[in-house]
Amino acid sequence: MAAQDADVAAWWQPRCDSFVPGWACWRWRAVRWSLRDWRRIPVNTKTEAFADRAYDADGQLVSRERPGALWSTPEAALVQVLDLMERGQVRSLSGAWVSLRADSICLHGDHPQAVAFATRIRAGLKAAGVTVTNCWTG
């Protein structure tokens, strides 16, 4: 909810800081805060993109209710991750390229092939010379 409503984020921010100083708010392209909101709420943000989900041409995730919302093979997910790493873009379901910035790649654990996807993505990144690091410590 905080991604959609800056007032919710403003309420949570000091409470989270009291438990985990320096915490980061993970956000994706769908965050609907205004520039005024970003200046008003001193939140450390990190951006994420999704390996196993398809994107619409406007950069939003395709609804899971639509066909093609989840990639069906680990190879398709790897291609999306490599495109993101190499081009800073992903190909939408319509075929249009969408620019994305990501500090982290998310892979949903509820995907039926989550382990196979993670294994293939990790191996593909290693083969491409990409060093995988912990996003919290670098």
Protein backbone atom coordinates (compact mmCIF):
# COMPACT_ATOMS: atom_id res chain seq x y z
CA MET A 1 0.00 0.00 0.00
CA ALA A 2 2.83 2.39 0.71
CA ALA A 3 3.87 2.17 -2.94
CA GLN A 4 0.47 3.49 -3.97
CA ASP A 5 -0.21 5.94 -1.13
CA ALA A 6 2.48 8.33 0.09
CA ASP A 7 0.50 9.08 3.26
CA VAL A 8 0.74 5.40 4.22
CA ALA A 9 4.49 5.51 3.58
CA ALA A 10 4.79 8.68 5.67
CA TRP A 11 3.05 6.90 8.55
CA TRP A 12 5.28 3.81 8.28
CA GLN A 13 8.63 5.51 7.72
CA PRO A 14 9.38 6.68 11.31
CA ARG A 15 8.05 3.42 12.76
CA CYS A 16 10.31 1.33 10.54
CA ASP A 17 13.28 3.58 11.28
CA SER A 18 12.81 2.95 15.00
CA PHE A 19 13.18 -0.82 14.46
CA VAL A 20 15.61 -0.98 11.53
CA PRO A 21 17.67 2.18 11.12
CA GLY A 22 18.60 2.72 7.48
CA TRP A 23 15.88 0.42 6.17
CA ALA A 24 15.04 0.63 2.49
CA CYS A 25 11.65 0.88 0.88
CA TRP A 26 11.58 -1.44 -2.13
CA ARG A 27 9.78 0.12 -5.02
CA TRP A 28 9.02 -0.77 -8.56
CA ARG A 29 7.90 1.21 -11.55
CA ALA A 30 4.29 1.16 -10.35
CA VAL A 31 4.99 3.50 -7.40
CA ARG A 32 2.60 6.41 -7.73
CA TRP A 33 4.21 9.06 -5.53
CA SER A 34 4.61 12.61 -6.74
CA LEU A 35 7.93 14.45 -6.65
CA ARG A 36 6.52 16.42 -3.71
CA ASP A 37 5.92 13.14 -1.86
CA TRP A 38 9.48 11.92 -2.48
CA ARG A 39 10.84 15.17 -1.03
CA ARG A 40 8.44 15.07 1.94
CA ILE A 41 9.19 11.52 3.06
CA PRO A 42 12.87 10.81 3.74
CA VAL A 43 12.82 7.20 2.58
CA ASN A 44 15.86 5.26 1.43
CA THR A 45 14.60 3.54 -1.70
CA LYS A 46 15.84 0.68 -3.80
CA THR A 47 14.24 -0.32 -7.06
CA GLU A 48 13.42 -3.83 -8.14
CA ALA A 49 12.45 -5.55 -11.33
CA PHE A 50 10.91 -8.96 -11.72
CA ALA A 51 12.54 -11.92 -13.44
CA ASP A 52 9.47 -14.13 -13.71
CA ARG A 53 6.80 -11.55 -14.59
CA ALA A 54 5.95 -9.94 -17.90
CA TYR A 55 5.63 -6.17 -18.33
CA ASP A 56 3.12 -4.09 -20.28
CA ALA A 57 4.36 -1.41 -22.69
CA ASP A 58 3.75 1.23 -19.98
CA GLY A 59 6.20 -0.51 -17.63
CA GLN A 60 3.56 -1.96 -15.32
CA LEU A 61 3.51 -5.64 -14.49
CA VAL A 62 1.01 -7.65 -16.50
CA SER A 63 -1.85 -8.70 -14.24
CA ARG A 64 -1.58 -12.33 -13.16
CA GLU A 65 -5.13 -12.73 -14.43
CA ARG A 66 -3.94 -12.21 -18.01
CA PRO A 67 -2.35 -14.91 -20.16
CA GLY A 68 1.42 -14.50 -20.39
CA ALA A 69 1.76 -12.67 -17.07
CA LEU A 70 4.23 -15.27 -15.75
CA TRP A 71 7.14 -16.51 -17.83
CA SER A 72 6.73 -20.23 -18.41
CA THR A 73 10.41 -21.16 -18.73
CA PRO A 74 13.57 -20.35 -16.81
CA GLU A 75 15.19 -19.38 -20.13
CA ALA A 76 12.57 -16.66 -20.77
CA ALA A 77 13.20 -15.24 -17.31
CA LEU A 78 16.97 -15.30 -17.89
CA VAL A 79 16.58 -13.43 -21.19
CA GLN A 80 14.56 -10.74 -19.40
CA VAL A 81 17.16 -10.41 -16.62
CA LEU A 82 20.06 -10.23 -19.10
CA ASP A 83 18.21 -7.62 -21.19
CA LEU A 84 17.70 -5.60 -18.03
CA MET A 85 21.37 -5.91 -17.03
CA GLU A 86 22.79 -5.23 -20.50
CA ARG A 87 20.27 -2.76 -21.96
CA GLY A 88 18.43 -1.34 -18.95
CA GLN A 89 15.28 -2.46 -20.73
CA VAL A 90 12.84 -5.34 -20.89
CA ARG A 91 10.65 -6.37 -23.79
CA SER A 92 6.95 -5.97 -23.02
CA LEU A 93 4.29 -8.49 -24.02
CA SER A 94 3.47 -6.26 -26.99
CA GLY A 95 7.12 -6.36 -28.09
CA ALA A 96 7.94 -2.76 -27.16
CA TRP A 97 11.11 -2.10 -25.20
CA VAL A 98 10.54 -0.59 -21.75
CA SER A 99 13.32 1.17 -19.82
CA LEU A 100 13.68 0.01 -16.23
CA ARG A 101 16.20 0.65 -13.48
CA ALA A 102 16.72 -2.04 -10.88
CA ASP A 103 18.93 -2.38 -7.82
CA SER A 104 17.59 -5.88 -7.31
CA ILE A 105 15.92 -8.67 -9.26
CA CYS A 106 12.89 -10.26 -7.61
CA LEU A 107 11.91 -13.85 -8.27
CA HIS A 108 8.57 -14.88 -6.79
CA GLY A 109 8.77 -17.94 -4.55
CA ASP A 110 5.17 -18.90 -5.36
CA HIS A 111 6.04 -19.55 -9.00
CA PRO A 112 5.69 -23.30 -9.66
CA GLN A 113 9.25 -23.44 -11.06
CA ALA A 114 10.88 -20.95 -8.69
CA VAL A 115 13.87 -23.17 -7.85
CA ALA A 116 14.53 -24.00 -11.51
CA PHE A 117 14.23 -20.32 -12.42
CA ALA A 118 16.63 -19.25 -9.66
CA THR A 119 19.15 -21.92 -10.61
CA ARG A 120 19.07 -21.01 -14.31
CA ILE A 121 19.19 -17.25 -13.72
CA ARG A 122 22.12 -17.55 -11.33
CA ALA A 123 24.05 -19.79 -13.77
CA GLY A 124 23.23 -17.48 -16.69
CA LEU A 125 24.39 -14.41 -14.82
CA LYS A 126 27.62 -16.13 -13.84
CA ALA A 127 28.21 -17.19 -17.46
CA ALA A 128 27.65 -13.57 -18.53
CA GLY A 129 30.27 -12.41 -16.03
CA VAL A 130 27.79 -10.78 -13.66
CA THR A 131 28.65 -10.93 -9.98
CA VAL A 132 25.59 -11.58 -7.82
CA THR A 133 25.74 -9.74 -4.50
CA ASN A 134 23.63 -9.24 -1.46
CA CYS A 135 21.55 -6.14 -2.12
CA TRP A 136 21.76 -5.10 1.53
CA THR A 137 25.52 -5.22 1.88
CA GLY A 138 26.74 -4.90 -1.70
